[in-house]
Full PDB file with SEQRES, HELIX, SHEET, SSBOND, CRYST1, ORIGX, SCALE, CONECT and MASTER records, all heavy atoms in Angstrom:
SEQRES   1 A   39  MET PRO PRO ALA ASP ALA ALA ASP ALA GLU VAL GLU LEU          
SEQRES   2 A   39  ALA GLU LYS THR THR ARG SER THR GLN ALA LEU ILE ASP          
SEQRES   3 A   39  LYS VAL SER SER VAL TYR ALA ASN SER ARG VAL LEU VAL          
HELIX    1 AA1 ASP A    8  VAL A   31  1                                  24    
CRYST1    1.000    1.000    1.000  90.00  90.00  90.00 P 1           1          
ORIGX1      1.000000  0.000000  0.000000        0.00000                         
ORIGX2      0.000000  1.000000  0.000000        0.00000                         
ORIGX3      0.000000  0.000000  1.000000        0.00000                         
SCALE1      1.000000  0.000000  0.000000        0.00000                         
SCALE2      0.000000  1.000000  0.000000        0.00000                         
SCALE3      0.000000  0.000000  1.000000        0.00000                         
ATOM      1  N   MET A   1     -10.608   7.498 -11.814  1.00  0.00           N  
ATOM      2  CA  MET A   1      -9.545   8.489 -11.979  1.00  0.00           C  
ATOM      3  C   MET A   1     -10.147   9.891 -12.091  1.00  0.00           C  
ATOM      4  O   MET A   1     -10.432  10.358 -13.190  1.00  0.00           O  
ATOM      5  CB  MET A   1      -8.727   8.185 -13.237  1.00  0.00           C  
ATOM      6  CG  MET A   1      -8.061   6.833 -13.205  1.00  0.00           C  
ATOM      7  SD  MET A   1      -7.084   6.436 -14.670  1.00  0.00           S  
ATOM      8  CE  MET A   1      -8.108   6.961 -16.017  1.00  0.00           C  
ATOM      9  N   PRO A   2     -10.372  10.535 -10.973  1.00  0.00           N  
ATOM     10  CA  PRO A   2     -10.940  11.887 -11.040  1.00  0.00           C  
ATOM     11  C   PRO A   2      -9.930  12.857 -11.659  1.00  0.00           C  
ATOM     12  O   PRO A   2      -8.731  12.585 -11.655  1.00  0.00           O  
ATOM     13  CB  PRO A   2     -11.232  12.223  -9.581  1.00  0.00           C  
ATOM     14  CG  PRO A   2     -10.305  11.364  -8.800  1.00  0.00           C  
ATOM     15  CD  PRO A   2     -10.099  10.121  -9.603  1.00  0.00           C  
ATOM     16  N   PRO A   3     -10.401  13.980 -12.158  1.00  0.00           N  
ATOM     17  CA  PRO A   3      -9.477  14.950 -12.752  1.00  0.00           C  
ATOM     18  C   PRO A   3      -8.531  15.539 -11.703  1.00  0.00           C  
ATOM     19  O   PRO A   3      -8.780  15.438 -10.497  1.00  0.00           O  
ATOM     20  CB  PRO A   3     -10.404  16.021 -13.334  1.00  0.00           C  
ATOM     21  CG  PRO A   3     -11.705  15.842 -12.636  1.00  0.00           C  
ATOM     22  CD  PRO A   3     -11.786  14.412 -12.231  1.00  0.00           C  
ATOM     23  N   ALA A   4      -7.468  16.133 -12.175  1.00  0.00           N  
ATOM     24  CA  ALA A   4      -6.444  16.680 -11.274  1.00  0.00           C  
ATOM     25  C   ALA A   4      -7.007  17.748 -10.340  1.00  0.00           C  
ATOM     26  O   ALA A   4      -6.535  17.900  -9.213  1.00  0.00           O  
ATOM     27  CB  ALA A   4      -5.294  17.263 -12.097  1.00  0.00           C  
ATOM     28  N   ASP A   5      -8.021  18.474 -10.782  1.00  0.00           N  
ATOM     29  CA  ASP A   5      -8.574  19.548  -9.958  1.00  0.00           C  
ATOM     30  C   ASP A   5      -9.793  19.092  -9.136  1.00  0.00           C  
ATOM     31  O   ASP A   5     -10.535  19.923  -8.608  1.00  0.00           O  
ATOM     32  CB  ASP A   5      -8.949  20.746 -10.823  1.00  0.00           C  
ATOM     33  CG  ASP A   5     -10.011  20.402 -11.860  1.00  0.00           C  
ATOM     34  OD1 ASP A   5     -10.271  19.208 -12.085  1.00  0.00           O  
ATOM     35  OD2 ASP A   5     -10.573  21.342 -12.456  1.00  0.00           O  
ATOM     36  N   ALA A   6      -9.964  17.781  -8.973  1.00  0.00           N  
ATOM     37  CA  ALA A   6     -11.126  17.261  -8.237  1.00  0.00           C  
ATOM     38  C   ALA A   6     -11.028  17.596  -6.755  1.00  0.00           C  
ATOM     39  O   ALA A   6      -9.938  17.709  -6.189  1.00  0.00           O  
ATOM     40  CB  ALA A   6     -11.218  15.752  -8.419  1.00  0.00           C  
ATOM     41  N   ALA A   7     -12.180  17.738  -6.151  1.00  0.00           N  
ATOM     42  CA  ALA A   7     -12.238  17.993  -4.709  1.00  0.00           C  
ATOM     43  C   ALA A   7     -11.783  16.743  -3.957  1.00  0.00           C  
ATOM     44  O   ALA A   7     -11.824  15.627  -4.480  1.00  0.00           O  
ATOM     45  CB  ALA A   7     -13.674  18.349  -4.313  1.00  0.00           C  
ATOM     46  N   ASP A   8     -11.349  16.936  -2.716  1.00  0.00           N  
ATOM     47  CA  ASP A   8     -10.876  15.819  -1.896  1.00  0.00           C  
ATOM     48  C   ASP A   8     -11.926  14.722  -1.760  1.00  0.00           C  
ATOM     49  O   ASP A   8     -11.607  13.534  -1.783  1.00  0.00           O  
ATOM     50  CB  ASP A   8     -10.457  16.312  -0.504  1.00  0.00           C  
ATOM     51  CG  ASP A   8      -9.187  17.149  -0.541  1.00  0.00           C  
ATOM     52  OD1 ASP A   8      -8.465  17.075  -1.562  1.00  0.00           O  
ATOM     53  OD2 ASP A   8      -8.919  17.849   0.450  1.00  0.00           O  
ATOM     54  N   ALA A   9     -13.190  15.110  -1.644  1.00  0.00           N  
ATOM     55  CA  ALA A   9     -14.267  14.123  -1.501  1.00  0.00           C  
ATOM     56  C   ALA A   9     -14.364  13.238  -2.737  1.00  0.00           C  
ATOM     57  O   ALA A   9     -14.585  12.019  -2.623  1.00  0.00           O  
ATOM     58  CB  ALA A   9     -15.592  14.825  -1.249  1.00  0.00           C  
ATOM     59  N   GLU A  10     -14.179  13.819  -3.924  1.00  0.00           N  
ATOM     60  CA  GLU A  10     -14.240  13.038  -5.162  1.00  0.00           C  
ATOM     61  C   GLU A  10     -13.044  12.092  -5.266  1.00  0.00           C  
ATOM     62  O   GLU A  10     -13.178  10.949  -5.716  1.00  0.00           O  
ATOM     63  CB  GLU A  10     -14.287  13.971  -6.374  1.00  0.00           C  
ATOM     64  CG  GLU A  10     -14.579  13.239  -7.675  1.00  0.00           C  
ATOM     65  CD  GLU A  10     -14.746  14.164  -8.867  1.00  0.00           C  
ATOM     66  OE1 GLU A  10     -14.691  15.395  -8.716  1.00  0.00           O  
ATOM     67  OE2 GLU A  10     -14.924  13.623  -9.971  1.00  0.00           O  
ATOM     68  N   VAL A  11     -11.882  12.536  -4.828  1.00  0.00           N  
ATOM     69  CA  VAL A  11     -10.688  11.685  -4.836  1.00  0.00           C  
ATOM     70  C   VAL A  11     -10.878  10.516  -3.870  1.00  0.00           C  
ATOM     71  O   VAL A  11     -10.576   9.366  -4.197  1.00  0.00           O  
ATOM     72  CB  VAL A  11      -9.424  12.499  -4.475  1.00  0.00           C  
ATOM     73  CG1 VAL A  11      -8.215  11.595  -4.284  1.00  0.00           C  
ATOM     74  CG2 VAL A  11      -9.150  13.556  -5.535  1.00  0.00           C  
ATOM     75  N   GLU A  12     -11.403  10.800  -2.682  1.00  0.00           N  
ATOM     76  CA  GLU A  12     -11.656   9.733  -1.707  1.00  0.00           C  
ATOM     77  C   GLU A  12     -12.686   8.736  -2.237  1.00  0.00           C  
ATOM     78  O   GLU A  12     -12.536   7.525  -2.036  1.00  0.00           O  
ATOM     79  CB  GLU A  12     -12.134  10.331  -0.383  1.00  0.00           C  
ATOM     80  CG  GLU A  12     -11.037  11.046   0.381  1.00  0.00           C  
ATOM     81  CD  GLU A  12     -11.557  11.743   1.633  1.00  0.00           C  
ATOM     82  OE1 GLU A  12     -12.644  11.362   2.125  1.00  0.00           O  
ATOM     83  OE2 GLU A  12     -10.879  12.668   2.103  1.00  0.00           O  
ATOM     84  N   LEU A  13     -13.712   9.233  -2.907  1.00  0.00           N  
ATOM     85  CA  LEU A  13     -14.725   8.349  -3.475  1.00  0.00           C  
ATOM     86  C   LEU A  13     -14.110   7.455  -4.558  1.00  0.00           C  
ATOM     87  O   LEU A  13     -14.427   6.264  -4.639  1.00  0.00           O  
ATOM     88  CB  LEU A  13     -15.894   9.157  -4.036  1.00  0.00           C  
ATOM     89  CG  LEU A  13     -17.055   8.355  -4.612  1.00  0.00           C  
ATOM     90  CD1 LEU A  13     -17.672   7.447  -3.538  1.00  0.00           C  
ATOM     91  CD2 LEU A  13     -18.106   9.280  -5.188  1.00  0.00           C  
ATOM     92  N   ALA A  14     -13.227   8.010  -5.367  1.00  0.00           N  
ATOM     93  CA  ALA A  14     -12.546   7.217  -6.405  1.00  0.00           C  
ATOM     94  C   ALA A  14     -11.670   6.139  -5.774  1.00  0.00           C  
ATOM     95  O   ALA A  14     -11.628   4.999  -6.250  1.00  0.00           O  
ATOM     96  CB  ALA A  14     -11.714   8.125  -7.303  1.00  0.00           C  
ATOM     97  N   GLU A  15     -10.983   6.484  -4.686  1.00  0.00           N  
ATOM     98  CA  GLU A  15     -10.158   5.488  -3.989  1.00  0.00           C  
ATOM     99  C   GLU A  15     -11.037   4.377  -3.418  1.00  0.00           C  
ATOM    100  O   GLU A  15     -10.703   3.191  -3.508  1.00  0.00           O  
ATOM    101  CB  GLU A  15      -9.353   6.151  -2.881  1.00  0.00           C  
ATOM    102  CG  GLU A  15      -8.240   7.041  -3.402  1.00  0.00           C  
ATOM    103  CD  GLU A  15      -7.567   7.856  -2.310  1.00  0.00           C  
ATOM    104  OE1 GLU A  15      -8.016   7.812  -1.138  1.00  0.00           O  
ATOM    105  OE2 GLU A  15      -6.598   8.552  -2.626  1.00  0.00           O  
ATOM    106  N   LYS A  16     -12.183   4.746  -2.845  1.00  0.00           N  
ATOM    107  CA  LYS A  16     -13.113   3.766  -2.295  1.00  0.00           C  
ATOM    108  C   LYS A  16     -13.664   2.875  -3.411  1.00  0.00           C  
ATOM    109  O   LYS A  16     -13.774   1.656  -3.251  1.00  0.00           O  
ATOM    110  CB  LYS A  16     -14.247   4.475  -1.565  1.00  0.00           C  
ATOM    111  CG  LYS A  16     -15.246   3.538  -0.938  1.00  0.00           C  
ATOM    112  CD  LYS A  16     -16.352   4.295  -0.230  1.00  0.00           C  
ATOM    113  CE  LYS A  16     -17.389   3.321   0.315  1.00  0.00           C  
ATOM    114  NZ  LYS A  16     -18.545   3.992   0.860  1.00  0.00           N  
ATOM    115  N   THR A  17     -14.007   3.481  -4.538  1.00  0.00           N  
ATOM    116  CA  THR A  17     -14.512   2.722  -5.683  1.00  0.00           C  
ATOM    117  C   THR A  17     -13.464   1.728  -6.168  1.00  0.00           C  
ATOM    118  O   THR A  17     -13.771   0.573  -6.453  1.00  0.00           O  
ATOM    119  CB  THR A  17     -14.912   3.676  -6.832  1.00  0.00           C  
ATOM    120  OG1 THR A  17     -15.950   4.533  -6.368  1.00  0.00           O  
ATOM    121  CG2 THR A  17     -15.378   2.915  -8.062  1.00  0.00           C  
ATOM    122  N   THR A  18     -12.215   2.171  -6.251  1.00  0.00           N  
ATOM    123  CA  THR A  18     -11.132   1.287  -6.690  1.00  0.00           C  
ATOM    124  C   THR A  18     -10.955   0.123  -5.730  1.00  0.00           C  
ATOM    125  O   THR A  18     -10.863  -1.036  -6.155  1.00  0.00           O  
ATOM    126  CB  THR A  18      -9.816   2.076  -6.827  1.00  0.00           C  
ATOM    127  OG1 THR A  18     -10.010   3.132  -7.773  1.00  0.00           O  
ATOM    128  CG2 THR A  18      -8.683   1.182  -7.296  1.00  0.00           C  
ATOM    129  N   ARG A  19     -10.946   0.404  -4.438  1.00  0.00           N  
ATOM    130  CA  ARG A  19     -10.790  -0.666  -3.444  1.00  0.00           C  
ATOM    131  C   ARG A  19     -11.948  -1.653  -3.490  1.00  0.00           C  
ATOM    132  O   ARG A  19     -11.742  -2.873  -3.471  1.00  0.00           O  
ATOM    133  CB  ARG A  19     -10.659  -0.068  -2.040  1.00  0.00           C  
ATOM    134  CG  ARG A  19      -9.296   0.525  -1.742  1.00  0.00           C  
ATOM    135  CD  ARG A  19      -9.118   0.818  -0.250  1.00  0.00           C  
ATOM    136  NE  ARG A  19     -10.170   1.676   0.301  1.00  0.00           N  
ATOM    137  CZ  ARG A  19     -10.143   3.005   0.302  1.00  0.00           C  
ATOM    138  NH1 ARG A  19      -9.099   3.644  -0.224  1.00  0.00           N  
ATOM    139  NH2 ARG A  19     -11.130   3.701   0.826  1.00  0.00           N  
ATOM    140  N   SER A  20     -13.174  -1.156  -3.575  1.00  0.00           N  
ATOM    141  CA  SER A  20     -14.326  -2.067  -3.593  1.00  0.00           C  
ATOM    142  C   SER A  20     -14.368  -2.880  -4.884  1.00  0.00           C  
ATOM    143  O   SER A  20     -14.737  -4.059  -4.872  1.00  0.00           O  
ATOM    144  CB  SER A  20     -15.633  -1.305  -3.381  1.00  0.00           C  
ATOM    145  OG  SER A  20     -15.893  -0.432  -4.447  1.00  0.00           O  
ATOM    146  N   THR A  21     -13.974  -2.280  -5.988  1.00  0.00           N  
ATOM    147  CA  THR A  21     -13.928  -3.006  -7.258  1.00  0.00           C  
ATOM    148  C   THR A  21     -12.865  -4.094  -7.213  1.00  0.00           C  
ATOM    149  O   THR A  21     -13.097  -5.220  -7.665  1.00  0.00           O  
ATOM    150  CB  THR A  21     -13.668  -2.042  -8.425  1.00  0.00           C  
ATOM    151  OG1 THR A  21     -14.689  -1.040  -8.434  1.00  0.00           O  
ATOM    152  CG2 THR A  21     -13.673  -2.773  -9.761  1.00  0.00           C  
ATOM    153  N   GLN A  22     -11.698  -3.779  -6.643  1.00  0.00           N  
ATOM    154  CA  GLN A  22     -10.652  -4.791  -6.490  1.00  0.00           C  
ATOM    155  C   GLN A  22     -11.137  -5.933  -5.602  1.00  0.00           C  
ATOM    156  O   GLN A  22     -10.854  -7.101  -5.877  1.00  0.00           O  
ATOM    157  CB  GLN A  22      -9.381  -4.167  -5.911  1.00  0.00           C  
ATOM    158  CG  GLN A  22      -8.657  -3.285  -6.909  1.00  0.00           C  
ATOM    159  CD  GLN A  22      -7.525  -2.486  -6.272  1.00  0.00           C  
ATOM    160  OE1 GLN A  22      -7.506  -2.248  -5.069  1.00  0.00           O  
ATOM    161  NE2 GLN A  22      -6.579  -2.071  -7.100  1.00  0.00           N  
ATOM    162  N   ALA A  23     -11.895  -5.617  -4.573  1.00  0.00           N  
ATOM    163  CA  ALA A  23     -12.432  -6.653  -3.684  1.00  0.00           C  
ATOM    164  C   ALA A  23     -13.425  -7.545  -4.443  1.00  0.00           C  
ATOM    165  O   ALA A  23     -13.425  -8.769  -4.270  1.00  0.00           O  
ATOM    166  CB  ALA A  23     -13.095  -6.023  -2.467  1.00  0.00           C  
ATOM    167  N   LEU A  24     -14.268  -6.941  -5.281  1.00  0.00           N  
ATOM    168  CA  LEU A  24     -15.201  -7.729  -6.091  1.00  0.00           C  
ATOM    169  C   LEU A  24     -14.460  -8.642  -7.060  1.00  0.00           C  
ATOM    170  O   LEU A  24     -14.816  -9.816  -7.232  1.00  0.00           O  
ATOM    171  CB  LEU A  24     -16.145  -6.804  -6.866  1.00  0.00           C  
ATOM    172  CG  LEU A  24     -17.256  -6.146  -6.068  1.00  0.00           C  
ATOM    173  CD1 LEU A  24     -17.915  -5.048  -6.892  1.00  0.00           C  
ATOM    174  CD2 LEU A  24     -18.274  -7.161  -5.625  1.00  0.00           C  
ATOM    175  N   ILE A  25     -13.421  -8.117  -7.683  1.00  0.00           N  
ATOM    176  CA  ILE A  25     -12.628  -8.924  -8.613  1.00  0.00           C  
ATOM    177  C   ILE A  25     -11.945 -10.066  -7.863  1.00  0.00           C  
ATOM    178  O   ILE A  25     -11.922 -11.209  -8.343  1.00  0.00           O  
ATOM    179  CB  ILE A  25     -11.595  -8.047  -9.360  1.00  0.00           C  
ATOM    180  CG1 ILE A  25     -12.316  -7.062 -10.283  1.00  0.00           C  
ATOM    181  CG2 ILE A  25     -10.606  -8.910 -10.145  1.00  0.00           C  
ATOM    182  CD1 ILE A  25     -11.434  -5.955 -10.820  1.00  0.00           C  
ATOM    183  N   ASP A  26     -11.403  -9.786  -6.682  1.00  0.00           N  
ATOM    184  CA  ASP A  26     -10.787 -10.838  -5.869  1.00  0.00           C  
ATOM    185  C   ASP A  26     -11.793 -11.927  -5.526  1.00  0.00           C  
ATOM    186  O   ASP A  26     -11.490 -13.116  -5.581  1.00  0.00           O  
ATOM    187  CB  ASP A  26     -10.202 -10.258  -4.578  1.00  0.00           C  
ATOM    188  CG  ASP A  26      -8.964  -9.414  -4.825  1.00  0.00           C  
ATOM    189  OD1 ASP A  26      -8.412  -9.481  -5.940  1.00  0.00           O  
ATOM    190  OD2 ASP A  26      -8.560  -8.691  -3.889  1.00  0.00           O  
ATOM    191  N   LYS A  27     -13.007 -11.527  -5.166  1.00  0.00           N  
ATOM    192  CA  LYS A  27     -14.051 -12.487  -4.794  1.00  0.00           C  
ATOM    193  C   LYS A  27     -14.403 -13.380  -5.982  1.00  0.00           C  
ATOM    194  O   LYS A  27     -14.468 -14.607  -5.855  1.00  0.00           O  
ATOM    195  CB  LYS A  27     -15.291 -11.727  -4.311  1.00  0.00           C  
ATOM    196  CG  LYS A  27     -16.386 -12.597  -3.830  1.00  0.00           C  
ATOM    197  CD  LYS A  27     -16.068 -13.138  -2.474  1.00  0.00           C  
ATOM    198  CE  LYS A  27     -17.329 -13.655  -1.819  1.00  0.00           C  
ATOM    199  NZ  LYS A  27     -17.075 -14.186  -0.508  1.00  0.00           N  
ATOM    200  N   VAL A  28     -14.636 -12.776  -7.147  1.00  0.00           N  
ATOM    201  CA  VAL A  28     -14.965 -13.549  -8.341  1.00  0.00           C  
ATOM    202  C   VAL A  28     -13.798 -14.463  -8.711  1.00  0.00           C  
ATOM    203  O   VAL A  28     -13.991 -15.625  -9.067  1.00  0.00           O  
ATOM    204  CB  VAL A  28     -15.337 -12.619  -9.516  1.00  0.00           C  
ATOM    205  CG1 VAL A  28     -15.444 -13.387 -10.827  1.00  0.00           C  
ATOM    206  CG2 VAL A  28     -16.641 -11.893  -9.226  1.00  0.00           C  
ATOM    207  N   SER A  29     -12.571 -13.962  -8.598  1.00  0.00           N  
ATOM    208  CA  SER A  29     -11.389 -14.768  -8.915  1.00  0.00           C  
ATOM    209  C   SER A  29     -11.260 -15.958  -7.985  1.00  0.00           C  
ATOM    210  O   SER A  29     -10.831 -17.034  -8.403  1.00  0.00           O  
ATOM    211  CB  SER A  29     -10.125 -13.912  -8.839  1.00  0.00           C  
ATOM    212  OG  SER A  29     -10.173 -12.885  -9.790  1.00  0.00           O  
ATOM    213  N   SER A  30     -11.629 -15.785  -6.722  1.00  0.00           N  
ATOM    214  CA  SER A  30     -11.536 -16.906  -5.787  1.00  0.00           C  
ATOM    215  C   SER A  30     -12.631 -17.940  -6.043  1.00  0.00           C  
ATOM    216  O   SER A  30     -12.412 -19.136  -5.879  1.00  0.00           O  
ATOM    217  CB  SER A  30     -11.583 -16.416  -4.337  1.00  0.00           C  
ATOM    218  OG  SER A  30     -12.848 -15.868  -4.040  1.00  0.00           O  
ATOM    219  N   VAL A  31     -13.795 -17.479  -6.487  1.00  0.00           N  
ATOM    220  CA  VAL A  31     -14.881 -18.410  -6.805  1.00  0.00           C  
ATOM    221  C   VAL A  31     -14.519 -19.256  -8.028  1.00  0.00           C  
ATOM    222  O   VAL A  31     -14.792 -20.447  -8.080  1.00  0.00           O  
ATOM    223  CB  VAL A  31     -16.207 -17.653  -7.042  1.00  0.00           C  
ATOM    224  CG1 VAL A  31     -17.273 -18.557  -7.624  1.00  0.00           C  
ATOM    225  CG2 VAL A  31     -16.682 -17.020  -5.743  1.00  0.00           C  
ATOM    226  N   TYR A  32     -13.881 -18.633  -9.009  1.00  0.00           N  
ATOM    227  CA  TYR A  32     -13.493 -19.330 -10.235  1.00  0.00           C  
ATOM    228  C   TYR A  32     -11.979 -19.541 -10.276  1.00  0.00           C  
ATOM    229  O   TYR A  32     -11.337 -19.348 -11.307  1.00  0.00           O  
ATOM    230  CB  TYR A  32     -13.969 -18.549 -11.466  1.00  0.00           C  
ATOM    231  CG  TYR A  32     -15.460 -18.395 -11.495  1.00  0.00           C  
ATOM    232  CD1 TYR A  32     -16.059 -17.175 -11.228  1.00  0.00           C  
ATOM    233  CD2 TYR A  32     -16.269 -19.493 -11.748  1.00  0.00           C  
ATOM    234  CE1 TYR A  32     -17.440 -17.042 -11.238  1.00  0.00           C  
ATOM    235  CE2 TYR A  32     -17.651 -19.369 -11.749  1.00  0.00           C  
ATOM    236  CZ  TYR A  32     -18.219 -18.148 -11.495  1.00  0.00           C  
ATOM    237  OH  TYR A  32     -19.585 -18.029 -11.497  1.00  0.00           O  
ATOM    238  N   ALA A  33     -11.399 -19.977  -9.173  1.00  0.00           N  
ATOM    239  CA  ALA A  33      -9.947 -20.119  -9.070  1.00  0.00           C  
ATOM    240  C   ALA A  33      -9.390 -21.197  -9.982  1.00  0.00           C  
ATOM    241  O   ALA A  33      -8.205 -21.184 -10.295  1.00  0.00           O  
ATOM    242  CB  ALA A  33      -9.565 -20.425  -7.616  1.00  0.00           C  
ATOM    243  N   ASN A  34     -10.229 -22.131 -10.421  1.00  0.00           N  
ATOM    244  CA  ASN A  34      -9.742 -23.198 -11.291  1.00  0.00           C  
ATOM    245  C   ASN A  34      -9.708 -22.805 -12.770  1.00  0.00           C  
ATOM    246  O   ASN A  34      -9.456 -23.634 -13.626  1.00  0.00           O  
ATOM    247  CB  ASN A  34     -10.610 -24.439 -11.120  1.00  0.00           C  
ATOM    248  CG  ASN A  34     -12.044 -24.190 -11.517  1.00  0.00           C  
ATOM    249  OD1 ASN A  34     -12.515 -23.049 -11.469  1.00  0.00           O  
ATOM    250  ND2 ASN A  34     -12.761 -25.222 -11.881  1.00  0.00           N  
ATOM    251  N   SER A  35      -9.978 -21.535 -13.081  1.00  0.00           N  
ATOM    252  CA  SER A  35      -9.941 -21.081 -14.457  1.00  0.00           C  
ATOM    253  C   SER A  35      -9.301 -19.707 -14.522  1.00  0.00           C  
ATOM    254  O   SER A  35      -8.517 -19.351 -13.663  1.00  0.00           O  
ATOM    255  CB  SER A  35     -11.358 -21.075 -15.042  1.00  0.00           C  
ATOM    256  OG  SER A  35     -12.171 -20.158 -14.339  1.00  0.00           O  
ATOM    257  N   ARG A  36      -9.637 -18.946 -15.526  1.00  0.00           N  
ATOM    258  CA  ARG A  36      -9.065 -17.608 -15.689  1.00  0.00           C  
ATOM    259  C   ARG A  36     -10.170 -16.563 -15.560  1.00  0.00           C  
ATOM    260  O   ARG A  36     -11.321 -16.832 -15.843  1.00  0.00           O  
ATOM    261  CB  ARG A  36      -8.406 -17.483 -17.049  1.00  0.00           C  
ATOM    262  CG  ARG A  36      -7.193 -18.368 -17.188  1.00  0.00           C  
ATOM    263  CD  ARG A  36      -6.663 -18.311 -18.620  1.00  0.00           C  
ATOM    264  NE  ARG A  36      -5.470 -19.099 -18.743  1.00  0.00           N  
ATOM    265  CZ  ARG A  36      -5.453 -20.398 -19.000  1.00  0.00           C  
ATOM    266  NH1 ARG A  36      -6.591 -21.050 -19.132  1.00  0.00           N  
ATOM    267  NH2 ARG A  36      -4.315 -21.041 -19.121  1.00  0.00           N  
ATOM    268  N   VAL A  37      -9.785 -15.358 -15.176  1.00  0.00           N  
ATOM    269  CA  VAL A  37     -10.718 -14.258 -15.050  1.00  0.00           C  
ATOM    270  C   VAL A  37     -10.235 -13.103 -15.913  1.00  0.00           C  
ATOM    271  O   VAL A  37      -9.072 -12.715 -15.834  1.00  0.00           O  
ATOM    272  CB  VAL A  37     -10.851 -13.803 -13.568  1.00  0.00           C  
ATOM    273  CG1 VAL A  37     -11.727 -12.566 -13.473  1.00  0.00           C  
ATOM    274  CG2 VAL A  37     -11.421 -14.928 -12.716  1.00  0.00           C  
ATOM    275  N   LEU A  38     -11.114 -12.582 -16.727  1.00  0.00           N  
ATOM    276  CA  LEU A  38     -10.818 -11.420 -17.557  1.00  0.00           C  
ATOM    277  C   LEU A  38     -11.713 -10.290 -17.081  1.00  0.00           C  
ATOM    278  O   LEU A  38     -12.926 -10.455 -17.002  1.00  0.00           O  
ATOM    279  CB  LEU A  38     -11.096 -11.712 -19.034  1.00  0.00           C  
ATOM    280  CG  LEU A  38     -11.039 -10.514 -19.979  1.00  0.00           C  
ATOM    281  CD1 LEU A  38      -9.609 -10.008 -20.087  1.00  0.00           C  
ATOM    282  CD2 LEU A  38     -11.585 -10.881 -21.333  1.00  0.00           C  
ATOM    283  N   VAL A  39     -11.118  -9.160 -16.751  1.00  0.00           N  
ATOM    284  CA  VAL A  39     -11.878  -8.009 -16.298  1.00  0.00           C  
ATOM    285  C   VAL A  39     -11.871  -6.988 -17.420  1.00  0.00           C  
ATOM    286  O   VAL A  39     -10.829  -6.645 -17.970  1.00  0.00           O  
ATOM    287  CB  VAL A  39     -11.255  -7.396 -15.016  1.00  0.00           C  
ATOM    288  CG1 VAL A  39     -12.019  -6.154 -14.599  1.00  0.00           C  
ATOM    289  CG2 VAL A  39     -11.223  -8.423 -13.917  1.00  0.00           C  
TER     290      VAL A  39                                                      
MASTER        0    0    0    1    0    0    0    6  289    1    0    3          
END                                                                             
């Protein structure tokens, strides 16, 4: 969550970080699908 006055590049990097983190969480969740995942 970059600050409101962040440059466009920082906002794009935050969006990329969020997407890649969600992908990592999805991957771990699929590996351990028979249980629960706490992030």
